[in-house]
Amino acid sequence: MAQLESGPPAAGVHELDRSDIESYALPGGRVFERFFDCPLDHQQPADARRVRVFVRHIVPLGKESQMHTLPFMLYLQGGPGFECSLPGSVASGWYHTAISEGYQILLVDQRGTGLSSPISAGTLDQQFASVEDKVEYVSHFRADSIVRDCELIRKILCQGRADGDGQKIALLGQSFGGFCIATFLSLFPGSVSKALIAGGVPPLVDSPDAVYMATYRRVIARNKQYYDKFPRDVARVRAIVKHLNENDVALPDGGRLSPRRFQQLGLQFGFTGGFDSVHRVVLGSASDLESAGRLSTHSLSAIAAMQSFDTNPLYCVLHEQIYCQSGNASRWSAHRVREAHFRDEFEHDWDRIAARSDPAAPVYFTGEMVYPWMLDDYAELRGLKDVALGLAEHTGWGQLYDVDALRDNRVPVAGVSYYNDMFVDFHLSEQTVQATGSFRQWVTNEYHHNGLRASPRVATYLFQLLRGDITDL
């Protein structure tokens, strides 16, 4: 394993000459793979526990000699619970846009993901004997801790640079990464030169209930659009859900394909092309039932591949806690809101579905919600069940946002809000935009939640908006 960095390199030593940093080229840039040593709890200096944070540091090809002077753009990934993937090239997409704007790029695996002290049932069992200790440990893997890791990394990489903007970094956040940017601006506004947010202006709430009230309504609208596009899928989905109610169906990875897990494919409705992806699975699964009376390995593998909760367990375990402040527990908010307000729309029990007054009513898919039953249906999550249940009742959450600091913010911020975003409610985001100083907003219905990946225009437009090239909005 590479050496952990906890301070600046020796004077005059270039990363290309360091044996502790692996380096290689890809189209458009050179990658330096770096590991940083960070406190588990940044606010408790006496706590000796540490985490490892992995960063891919990408320098434009031909500019390696300038890497100690080029400004940094730090990318914060969506999630929570997802690492940054290695791009095949930085000569296209938002990477190319950032490099064209004069930046070198930092791709951070947020703590608990990828190569940054990853969280899984196995890693927790190896370190801790009690559920209480596991819960306490994982409680340090939210946005406030992620941001403090990034601030420490900024200090290490920028130390020795000229005063002023040379020591600051620019931020780009996708989805949950935008939530992290709002936390960064709350905690360390003096460390940020500018910020760009793509589909991730967070709601300034203290608990998730209001978020899920809005989310369910948007998911209902997307279901209606899906069935308008594929009306024959009404009968196909009903047949699949009936089959899953009547049979115990195992997935190749050891998980269980229950009706409610099948309905979670609706998460794809929030992405460009998501309707088509789900339709392919529905069509294939319905064909399996017609020809063989059971789902094929091909269909089961396709379903498992579209669900990331086993490969990225923090996506479930800490999902609702990203909205918790002021001592509030999440208490399985999406489940409670569904039971109280949306049970009929998102029914998965076949007897209740069959008893509806309309015998041909569509079965709705759910979206980006997490539920306690997932801890039984997903193979990896079974080993984290006690931890997830403990975190759902945890009340010791600190503040993620400083509303006064955001109101007085002077860091230039440009953000795009996708009007039809299924994951991040436009109206809740709009309230945050209005409550944040120096915020330039772009509202569009041209893209869904993955607009930053779907089109290079998104990053280009945000830079133009930030510079003031675009003013008539």
Protein backbone atom coordinates (compact mmCIF):
# COMPACT_ATOMS: atom_id res chain seq x y z
CA MET A 1 0.00 0.00 0.00
CA ALA A 2 1.22 3.50 -0.82
CA GLN A 3 2.41 5.73 1.97
CA LEU A 4 -0.24 7.88 3.63
CA GLU A 5 0.26 11.60 3.22
CA SER A 6 -0.31 13.74 6.28
CA GLY A 7 1.71 16.82 5.33
CA PRO A 8 3.35 18.55 2.37
CA PRO A 9 6.20 16.80 0.53
CA ALA A 10 9.78 17.81 1.10
CA ALA A 11 10.76 21.02 -0.65
CA GLY A 12 11.85 20.55 -4.23
CA VAL A 13 10.49 16.99 -4.50
CA HIS A 14 8.19 16.44 -7.49
CA GLU A 15 5.45 13.81 -7.47
CA LEU A 16 6.96 12.19 -10.58
CA ASP A 17 10.05 11.40 -8.49
CA ARG A 18 8.22 9.99 -5.47
CA SER A 19 8.16 6.21 -5.06
CA ASP A 20 5.13 6.39 -2.74
CA ILE A 21 2.84 7.85 -5.44
CA GLU A 22 1.83 5.73 -8.42
CA SER A 23 1.51 7.65 -11.68
CA TYR A 24 0.33 6.84 -15.18
CA ALA A 25 -1.07 8.57 -18.25
CA LEU A 26 -4.51 8.44 -19.81
CA PRO A 27 -5.88 10.42 -22.76
CA GLY A 28 -5.65 14.08 -21.83
CA GLY A 29 -3.99 13.79 -18.45
CA ARG A 30 -1.59 12.15 -16.03
CA VAL A 31 -2.98 10.49 -12.92
CA PHE A 32 -1.26 10.53 -9.53
CA GLU A 33 -2.82 8.11 -7.02
CA ARG A 34 -2.57 9.55 -3.52
CA PHE A 35 -3.62 8.36 -0.07
CA PHE A 36 -4.16 10.79 2.80
CA ASP A 37 -4.22 10.14 6.53
CA CYS A 38 -7.25 11.81 8.16
CA PRO A 39 -8.74 11.76 11.67
CA LEU A 40 -11.90 9.73 12.06
CA ASP A 41 -13.34 12.58 14.14
CA HIS A 42 -11.82 15.91 13.10
CA GLN A 43 -13.45 17.68 16.05
CA GLN A 44 -11.83 15.46 18.68
CA PRO A 45 -8.04 15.96 18.53
CA ALA A 46 -7.53 13.46 21.34
CA ASP A 47 -9.19 10.70 19.30
CA ALA A 48 -6.35 8.74 17.70
CA ARG A 49 -8.52 6.82 15.26
CA ARG A 50 -7.72 7.44 11.59
CA VAL A 51 -9.21 6.84 8.15
CA ARG A 52 -7.51 6.61 4.79
CA VAL A 53 -8.78 8.83 1.96
CA PHE A 54 -7.88 8.05 -1.63
CA VAL A 55 -7.57 10.78 -4.27
CA ARG A 56 -6.89 10.55 -7.99
CA HIS A 57 -4.98 13.71 -8.81
CA ILE A 58 -5.22 14.41 -12.56
CA VAL A 59 -2.88 16.91 -14.21
CA PRO A 60 -3.33 17.96 -17.86
CA LEU A 61 -0.81 16.23 -20.10
CA GLY A 62 2.19 18.42 -20.77
CA LYS A 63 1.58 20.52 -17.66
CA GLU A 64 3.11 18.21 -15.06
CA SER A 65 5.78 20.82 -14.32
CA GLN A 66 2.99 23.26 -13.34
CA MET A 67 1.12 20.98 -10.96
CA HIS A 68 2.34 22.93 -7.93
CA THR A 69 0.89 26.15 -9.30
CA LEU A 70 -2.20 25.16 -11.33
CA PRO A 71 -5.44 25.70 -9.41
CA PHE A 72 -7.37 22.66 -8.19
CA MET A 73 -10.93 21.64 -8.95
CA LEU A 74 -12.15 19.07 -6.45
CA TYR A 75 -15.01 16.84 -7.60
CA LEU A 76 -17.53 15.57 -5.06
CA GLN A 77 -19.40 12.46 -6.20
CA GLY A 78 -23.09 11.74 -5.79
CA GLY A 79 -24.50 9.18 -3.41
CA PRO A 80 -24.08 8.98 -0.51
CA GLY A 81 -21.77 6.01 -0.61
CA PHE A 82 -20.27 6.08 -4.11
CA GLU A 83 -16.61 6.27 -5.06
CA CYS A 84 -15.20 8.16 -8.05
CA SER A 85 -14.53 5.92 -11.01
CA LEU A 86 -11.38 6.25 -13.07
CA PRO A 87 -12.32 7.97 -16.33
CA GLY A 88 -11.16 6.34 -19.53
CA SER A 89 -10.19 9.79 -20.75
CA VAL A 90 -10.16 13.37 -19.51
CA ALA A 91 -10.21 14.68 -23.09
CA SER A 92 -14.02 14.83 -23.08
CA GLY A 93 -16.99 15.52 -20.81
CA TRP A 94 -16.79 17.75 -17.76
CA TYR A 95 -13.16 16.69 -17.21
CA HIS A 96 -12.17 18.35 -20.47
CA THR A 97 -14.21 21.43 -19.56
CA ALA A 98 -12.42 21.78 -16.22
CA ILE A 99 -9.00 21.28 -17.81
CA SER A 100 -9.85 23.81 -20.51
CA GLU A 101 -10.68 26.28 -17.76
CA GLY A 102 -7.12 25.86 -16.44
CA TYR A 103 -7.67 23.38 -13.60
CA GLN A 104 -6.06 20.20 -12.44
CA ILE A 105 -8.61 17.77 -11.00
CA LEU A 106 -8.99 15.94 -7.69
CA LEU A 107 -11.30 12.91 -7.72
CA VAL A 108 -11.98 11.94 -4.10
CA ASP A 109 -13.26 8.59 -2.94
CA GLN A 110 -15.33 9.90 -0.04
CA ARG A 111 -14.57 8.15 3.25
CA GLY A 112 -16.28 4.77 3.42
CA THR A 113 -16.21 4.26 -0.37
CA GLY A 114 -13.83 2.88 -2.95
CA LEU A 115 -10.29 2.85 -1.54
CA SER A 116 -11.08 5.24 1.34
CA SER A 117 -11.50 3.04 4.43
CA PRO A 118 -14.47 1.29 2.79
CA ILE A 119 -17.50 0.34 4.87
CA SER A 120 -18.90 -3.16 4.50
CA ALA A 121 -20.13 -5.91 6.81
CA GLY A 122 -16.68 -7.48 6.59
CA THR A 123 -14.65 -4.36 7.41
CA LEU A 124 -16.84 -3.53 10.40
CA ASP A 125 -16.77 -7.10 11.75
CA GLN A 126 -12.98 -7.07 11.53
CA GLN A 127 -12.69 -3.85 13.54
CA PHE A 128 -15.51 -3.96 16.10
CA ALA A 129 -17.16 -6.52 18.34
CA SER A 130 -20.30 -4.60 19.32
CA VAL A 131 -23.11 -3.09 17.28
CA GLU A 132 -22.85 0.10 19.35
CA ASP A 133 -19.21 0.58 18.35
CA LYS A 134 -20.07 0.00 14.68
CA VAL A 135 -22.90 2.54 14.79
CA GLU A 136 -20.67 5.12 16.46
CA TYR A 137 -17.96 4.57 13.85
CA VAL A 138 -20.26 4.83 10.82
CA SER A 139 -21.85 7.98 12.26
CA HIS A 140 -18.61 9.76 11.26
CA PHE A 141 -19.13 9.14 7.53
CA ARG A 142 -21.53 11.96 6.64
CA ALA A 143 -20.98 15.14 4.64
CA ASP A 144 -19.49 17.12 7.54
CA SER A 145 -16.69 14.57 7.94
CA ILE A 146 -16.21 14.26 4.16
CA VAL A 147 -15.80 18.03 3.89
CA ARG A 148 -13.30 18.14 6.74
CA ASP A 149 -11.26 15.44 4.97
CA CYS A 150 -11.26 17.59 1.84
CA GLU A 151 -10.21 20.66 3.79
CA LEU A 152 -7.27 18.77 5.28
CA ILE A 153 -6.26 17.54 1.81
CA ARG A 154 -6.53 21.12 0.50
CA LYS A 155 -4.16 22.34 3.19
CA ILE A 156 -1.64 19.64 2.36
CA LEU A 157 -1.71 20.21 -1.39
CA CYS A 158 -1.86 24.00 -1.27
CA GLN A 159 0.66 24.61 1.50
CA GLY A 160 3.48 26.82 0.34
CA ARG A 161 1.49 28.43 -2.46
CA ALA A 162 1.05 32.16 -2.73
CA ASP A 163 -1.52 33.79 -0.49
CA GLY A 164 -5.03 34.38 -1.77
CA ASP A 165 -6.74 32.31 -4.42
CA GLY A 166 -3.64 30.16 -4.92
CA GLN A 167 -4.47 28.42 -1.65
CA LYS A 168 -8.16 28.03 -2.45
CA ILE A 169 -9.85 25.27 -4.44
CA ALA A 170 -12.79 25.23 -6.81
CA LEU A 171 -15.56 22.69 -6.17
CA LEU A 172 -17.77 20.70 -8.51
CA GLY A 173 -20.53 18.62 -6.93
CA GLN A 174 -22.91 16.12 -8.53
CA SER A 175 -26.11 15.30 -6.58
CA PHE A 176 -25.01 14.49 -3.00
CA GLY A 177 -21.75 16.20 -3.92
CA GLY A 178 -23.74 19.43 -4.09
CA PHE A 179 -25.00 18.75 -0.56
CA CYS A 180 -21.34 18.48 0.47
CA ILE A 181 -20.61 21.82 -1.21
CA ALA A 182 -23.30 23.51 0.91
CA THR A 183 -21.60 22.02 3.96
CA PHE A 184 -18.20 23.21 2.69
CA LEU A 185 -19.55 26.75 2.30
CA SER A 186 -20.97 26.51 5.81
CA LEU A 187 -17.73 25.34 7.42
CA PHE A 188 -14.84 26.63 5.27
CA PRO A 189 -15.99 29.37 2.88
CA GLY A 190 -12.54 30.96 2.98
CA SER A 191 -11.05 27.84 1.39
CA VAL A 192 -13.23 27.91 -1.74
CA SER A 193 -12.63 30.06 -4.83
CA LYS A 194 -15.84 29.04 -6.64
CA ALA A 195 -18.39 26.24 -6.62
CA LEU A 196 -20.47 24.51 -9.29
CA ILE A 197 -23.44 22.31 -8.34
CA ALA A 198 -25.15 19.90 -10.74
CA GLY A 199 -28.51 18.60 -9.59
CA GLY A 200 -27.57 18.79 -5.94
CA VAL A 201 -28.82 21.94 -4.22
CA PRO A 202 -29.80 20.45 -0.85
CA PRO A 203 -33.00 21.09 1.06
CA LEU A 204 -32.18 22.85 4.34
CA VAL A 205 -34.29 20.48 6.42
CA ASP A 206 -33.67 18.89 9.81
CA SER A 207 -35.31 15.53 9.01
CA PRO A 208 -36.19 13.61 5.83
CA ASP A 209 -40.01 13.49 6.06
CA ALA A 210 -40.69 16.58 3.94
CA VAL A 211 -38.20 15.32 1.37
CA TYR A 212 -40.02 12.03 0.93
CA MET A 213 -43.44 13.61 0.80
CA ALA A 214 -42.19 15.50 -2.25
CA THR A 215 -40.23 12.56 -3.65
CA TYR A 216 -43.19 10.16 -3.72
CA ARG A 217 -45.27 12.68 -5.68
CA ARG A 218 -42.51 13.05 -8.29
CA VAL A 219 -42.12 9.27 -8.55
CA ILE A 220 -45.87 8.89 -9.15
CA ALA A 221 -45.60 11.38 -12.03
CA ARG A 222 -42.68 9.46 -13.54
CA ASN A 223 -44.60 6.17 -13.27
CA LYS A 224 -47.47 7.68 -15.22
CA GLN A 225 -45.05 8.84 -17.90
CA TYR A 226 -43.43 5.40 -18.03
CA TYR A 227 -46.72 3.59 -18.56
CA ASP A 228 -47.79 6.20 -21.11
CA LYS A 229 -44.68 5.29 -23.09
CA PHE A 230 -44.99 1.53 -22.55
CA PRO A 231 -48.69 0.80 -21.94
CA ARG A 232 -48.29 -2.95 -22.46
CA ASP A 233 -45.89 -3.01 -19.50
CA VAL A 234 -48.91 -2.59 -17.20
CA ALA A 235 -49.87 -6.22 -17.74
CA ARG A 236 -46.26 -7.40 -17.83
CA VAL A 237 -45.36 -5.78 -14.49
CA ARG A 238 -48.53 -7.10 -12.88
CA ALA A 239 -47.62 -10.63 -14.03
CA ILE A 240 -44.05 -10.29 -12.70
CA VAL A 241 -45.20 -8.95 -9.31
CA LYS A 242 -47.77 -11.76 -9.04
CA HIS A 243 -45.04 -14.32 -9.78
CA LEU A 244 -42.72 -12.81 -7.17
CA ASN A 245 -45.50 -12.86 -4.57
CA GLU A 246 -46.11 -16.54 -5.20
CA ASN A 247 -42.49 -17.71 -5.46
CA ASP A 248 -39.31 -17.27 -3.46
CA VAL A 249 -36.89 -16.04 -6.13
CA ALA A 250 -33.17 -15.98 -5.37
CA LEU A 251 -30.75 -13.70 -7.18
CA PRO A 252 -27.34 -14.94 -8.39
CA ASP A 253 -25.59 -12.87 -5.69
CA GLY A 254 -27.56 -14.51 -2.85
CA GLY A 255 -30.14 -11.76 -2.49
CA ARG A 256 -33.90 -12.22 -2.74
CA LEU A 257 -35.98 -10.72 -5.52
CA SER A 258 -39.13 -9.80 -3.64
CA PRO A 259 -41.91 -7.77 -5.30
CA ARG A 260 -40.85 -4.68 -3.37
CA ARG A 261 -37.23 -5.10 -4.49
CA PHE A 262 -38.37 -5.47 -8.10
CA GLN A 263 -40.29 -2.20 -7.70
CA GLN A 264 -37.05 -0.46 -6.75
CA LEU A 265 -36.06 -0.57 -10.41
CA GLY A 266 -38.01 2.69 -10.58
CA LEU A 267 -34.87 4.41 -9.32
CA GLN A 268 -33.77 4.31 -12.96
CA PHE A 269 -36.66 6.64 -13.87
CA GLY A 270 -34.58 9.52 -12.55
CA PHE A 271 -31.90 9.14 -15.23
CA THR A 272 -31.79 9.87 -18.94
CA GLY A 273 -32.70 6.62 -20.68
CA GLY A 274 -34.06 5.10 -17.47
CA PHE A 275 -37.48 4.28 -18.90
CA ASP A 276 -35.88 2.26 -21.68
CA SER A 277 -33.58 0.40 -19.26
CA VAL A 278 -36.50 -0.71 -17.09
CA HIS A 279 -38.61 -1.62 -20.10
CA ARG A 280 -35.90 -3.96 -21.39
CA VAL A 281 -35.86 -5.79 -18.05
CA VAL A 282 -39.66 -5.92 -17.85
CA LEU A 283 -39.98 -7.21 -21.41
CA GLY A 284 -37.29 -9.86 -20.85
CA SER A 285 -38.72 -10.98 -17.51
CA ALA A 286 -42.26 -11.22 -18.87
CA SER A 287 -40.95 -13.26 -21.79
CA ASP A 288 -39.21 -15.60 -19.34
CA LEU A 289 -42.46 -16.22 -17.50
CA GLU A 290 -44.33 -16.93 -20.73
CA SER A 291 -41.73 -19.35 -22.08
CA ALA A 292 -40.39 -21.06 -18.94
CA GLY A 293 -42.60 -20.08 -16.01
CA ARG A 294 -39.65 -18.56 -14.16
CA LEU A 295 -37.15 -15.75 -14.47
CA SER A 296 -33.92 -16.55 -16.29
CA THR A 297 -30.43 -16.06 -14.92
CA HIS A 298 -29.98 -13.40 -17.60
CA SER A 299 -32.94 -11.37 -16.31
CA LEU A 300 -32.06 -11.87 -12.65
CA SER A 301 -28.46 -10.77 -13.29
CA ALA A 302 -29.68 -7.70 -15.19
CA ILE A 303 -31.93 -6.72 -12.28
CA ALA A 304 -29.13 -7.14 -9.71
CA ALA A 305 -26.76 -5.11 -11.88
CA MET A 306 -29.18 -2.17 -11.85
CA GLN A 307 -29.22 -2.02 -8.03
CA SER A 308 -26.20 -0.64 -6.17
CA PHE A 309 -27.15 -1.21 -2.54
CA ASP A 310 -24.98 -4.32 -2.13
CA THR A 311 -21.89 -2.96 -3.89
CA ASN A 312 -22.22 0.43 -2.17
CA PRO A 313 -23.95 -0.34 1.16
CA LEU A 314 -23.62 3.18 2.56
CA TYR A 315 -26.12 4.16 -0.12
CA CYS A 316 -28.72 2.44 2.05
CA VAL A 317 -27.20 2.62 5.51
CA LEU A 318 -26.65 6.41 5.54
CA HIS A 319 -29.13 7.52 2.91
CA GLU A 320 -31.76 9.17 5.07
CA GLN A 321 -29.22 10.48 7.56
CA ILE A 322 -27.93 13.02 5.03
CA TYR A 323 -31.07 15.02 5.91
CA CYS A 324 -30.78 14.73 9.71
CA GLN A 325 -29.78 17.68 11.89
CA SER A 326 -30.69 19.11 15.29
CA GLY A 327 -30.84 15.75 17.04
CA ASN A 328 -33.42 14.21 14.71
CA ALA A 329 -33.39 10.50 13.90
CA SER A 330 -34.41 9.30 10.43
CA ARG A 331 -36.50 6.37 11.73
CA TRP A 332 -36.95 4.95 8.20
CA SER A 333 -38.65 8.07 6.93
CA ALA A 334 -39.49 6.80 3.43
CA HIS A 335 -41.16 3.72 4.90
CA ARG A 336 -43.19 5.75 7.39
CA VAL A 337 -44.27 8.28 4.76
CA ARG A 338 -45.27 5.51 2.36
CA GLU A 339 -47.32 3.71 5.00
CA ALA A 340 -49.09 6.90 6.07
CA HIS A 341 -49.68 8.58 2.72
CA PHE A 342 -48.79 6.46 -0.33
CA ARG A 343 -49.54 2.84 0.55
CA ASP A 344 -52.14 2.37 -2.19
CA GLU A 345 -50.00 3.89 -4.95
CA PHE A 346 -46.96 1.73 -4.12
CA GLU A 347 -48.62 -1.51 -3.10
CA HIS A 348 -46.56 -4.71 -3.51
CA ASP A 349 -48.85 -7.31 -1.90
CA TRP A 350 -50.61 -9.21 -4.69
CA ASP A 351 -53.83 -9.85 -2.75
CA ARG A 352 -54.27 -6.12 -2.19
CA ILE A 353 -53.33 -5.33 -5.79
CA ALA A 354 -55.83 -7.88 -7.11
CA ALA A 355 -58.56 -6.49 -4.83
CA ARG A 356 -58.39 -3.01 -6.35
CA SER A 357 -61.54 -1.68 -7.96
CA ASP A 358 -59.65 -1.40 -11.25
CA PRO A 359 -58.35 -4.90 -12.05
CA ALA A 360 -55.95 -3.53 -14.65
CA ALA A 361 -54.45 -0.72 -12.55
CA PRO A 362 -50.67 -0.36 -12.97
CA VAL A 363 -48.25 -1.38 -10.24
CA TYR A 364 -46.02 1.59 -9.50
CA PHE A 365 -42.27 1.42 -9.09
CA THR A 366 -40.60 3.21 -6.20
CA GLY A 367 -37.62 5.55 -6.56
CA GLU A 368 -34.57 6.58 -4.55
CA MET A 369 -35.96 5.49 -1.20
CA VAL A 370 -34.56 3.04 1.36
CA TYR A 371 -36.64 0.68 3.48
CA PRO A 372 -35.97 -1.57 6.51
CA TRP A 373 -36.94 -4.72 4.54
CA MET A 374 -33.91 -4.13 2.29
CA LEU A 375 -31.77 -5.41 5.16
CA ASP A 376 -33.24 -8.87 4.47
CA ASP A 377 -33.58 -8.82 0.68
CA TYR A 378 -30.04 -7.64 -0.18
CA ALA A 379 -27.23 -10.09 0.55
CA GLU A 380 -24.57 -7.60 1.68
CA LEU A 381 -27.02 -5.50 3.68
CA ARG A 382 -27.99 -8.52 5.82
CA GLY A 383 -24.62 -8.30 7.54
CA LEU A 384 -25.24 -4.60 8.25
CA LYS A 385 -28.80 -4.97 9.53
CA ASP A 386 -28.11 -4.18 13.18
CA VAL A 387 -25.91 -1.23 12.20
CA ALA A 388 -28.53 0.23 9.86
CA LEU A 389 -31.27 -0.20 12.46
CA GLY A 390 -29.08 1.54 15.04
CA LEU A 391 -28.27 4.43 12.71
CA ALA A 392 -31.98 4.88 11.94
CA GLU A 393 -32.58 5.59 15.63
CA HIS A 394 -29.39 7.62 16.16
CA THR A 395 -30.01 11.21 17.33
CA GLY A 396 -26.49 12.51 17.83
CA TRP A 397 -26.19 14.20 14.44
CA GLY A 398 -24.48 17.57 14.23
CA GLN A 399 -25.39 20.47 11.98
CA LEU A 400 -24.59 20.06 8.31
CA TYR A 401 -25.45 23.61 7.25
CA ASP A 402 -24.96 27.04 8.76
CA VAL A 403 -27.89 29.08 7.43
CA ASP A 404 -26.26 32.34 8.52
CA ALA A 405 -23.02 31.50 6.71
CA LEU A 406 -24.96 30.52 3.58
CA ARG A 407 -27.01 33.71 3.69
CA ASP A 408 -23.81 35.78 3.94
CA ASN A 409 -21.91 33.64 1.41
CA ARG A 410 -19.61 35.56 -0.94
CA VAL A 411 -18.11 32.59 -2.77
CA PRO A 412 -19.38 32.60 -6.38
CA VAL A 413 -21.73 29.64 -6.83
CA ALA A 414 -23.42 28.43 -10.03
CA GLY A 415 -25.94 25.64 -9.82
CA VAL A 416 -28.24 23.83 -12.19
CA SER A 417 -31.60 22.59 -10.92
CA TYR A 418 -33.36 20.11 -13.16
CA TYR A 419 -37.02 21.03 -12.98
CA ASN A 420 -38.17 17.42 -13.35
CA ASP A 421 -35.43 15.94 -11.14
CA MET A 422 -36.88 12.83 -9.48
CA PHE A 423 -34.24 12.73 -6.75
CA VAL A 424 -33.75 16.34 -5.64
CA ASP A 425 -36.99 18.30 -5.36
CA PHE A 426 -36.86 21.52 -7.37
CA HIS A 427 -39.07 23.50 -4.98
CA LEU A 428 -37.02 22.58 -1.89
CA SER A 429 -33.82 23.40 -3.79
CA GLU A 430 -35.29 26.75 -4.85
CA GLN A 431 -35.74 27.70 -1.20
CA THR A 432 -32.04 26.99 -0.57
CA VAL A 433 -30.98 29.02 -3.60
CA GLN A 434 -32.97 32.00 -2.33
CA ALA A 435 -31.36 31.60 1.11
CA THR A 436 -27.78 31.49 -0.23
CA GLY A 437 -25.74 34.52 -1.16
CA SER A 438 -23.84 34.86 -4.46
CA PHE A 439 -25.79 32.01 -6.05
CA ARG A 440 -26.44 32.02 -9.80
CA GLN A 441 -29.10 29.49 -10.71
CA TRP A 442 -29.86 27.73 -13.96
CA VAL A 443 -33.22 25.97 -14.18
CA THR A 444 -33.86 23.57 -17.05
CA ASN A 445 -36.09 20.66 -17.97
CA GLU A 446 -33.69 19.55 -20.70
CA TYR A 447 -31.89 17.03 -18.49
CA HIS A 448 -32.61 14.57 -15.74
CA HIS A 449 -30.54 13.96 -12.62
CA ASN A 450 -27.50 12.70 -14.53
CA GLY A 451 -27.20 15.78 -16.73
CA LEU A 452 -23.54 16.35 -15.83
CA ARG A 453 -22.62 12.94 -17.25
CA ALA A 454 -25.18 13.01 -20.03
CA SER A 455 -23.98 16.20 -21.71
CA PRO A 456 -20.75 18.25 -21.67
CA ARG A 457 -22.94 21.33 -22.09
CA VAL A 458 -23.90 21.26 -18.41
CA ALA A 459 -20.40 21.94 -17.07
CA THR A 460 -19.68 24.45 -19.85
CA TYR A 461 -22.86 26.36 -19.13
CA LEU A 462 -22.14 26.45 -15.38
CA PHE A 463 -18.69 27.95 -15.99
CA GLN A 464 -20.20 30.53 -18.33
CA LEU A 465 -22.86 31.36 -15.77
CA LEU A 466 -20.25 31.75 -13.06
CA ARG A 467 -18.15 34.11 -15.19
CA GLY A 468 -21.16 36.22 -16.09
CA ASP A 469 -21.07 35.27 -19.78
CA ILE A 470 -24.75 34.37 -19.40
CA THR A 471 -26.83 36.95 -17.58
CA ASP A 472 -30.30 36.92 -19.16
CA LEU A 473 -31.97 34.10 -17.22
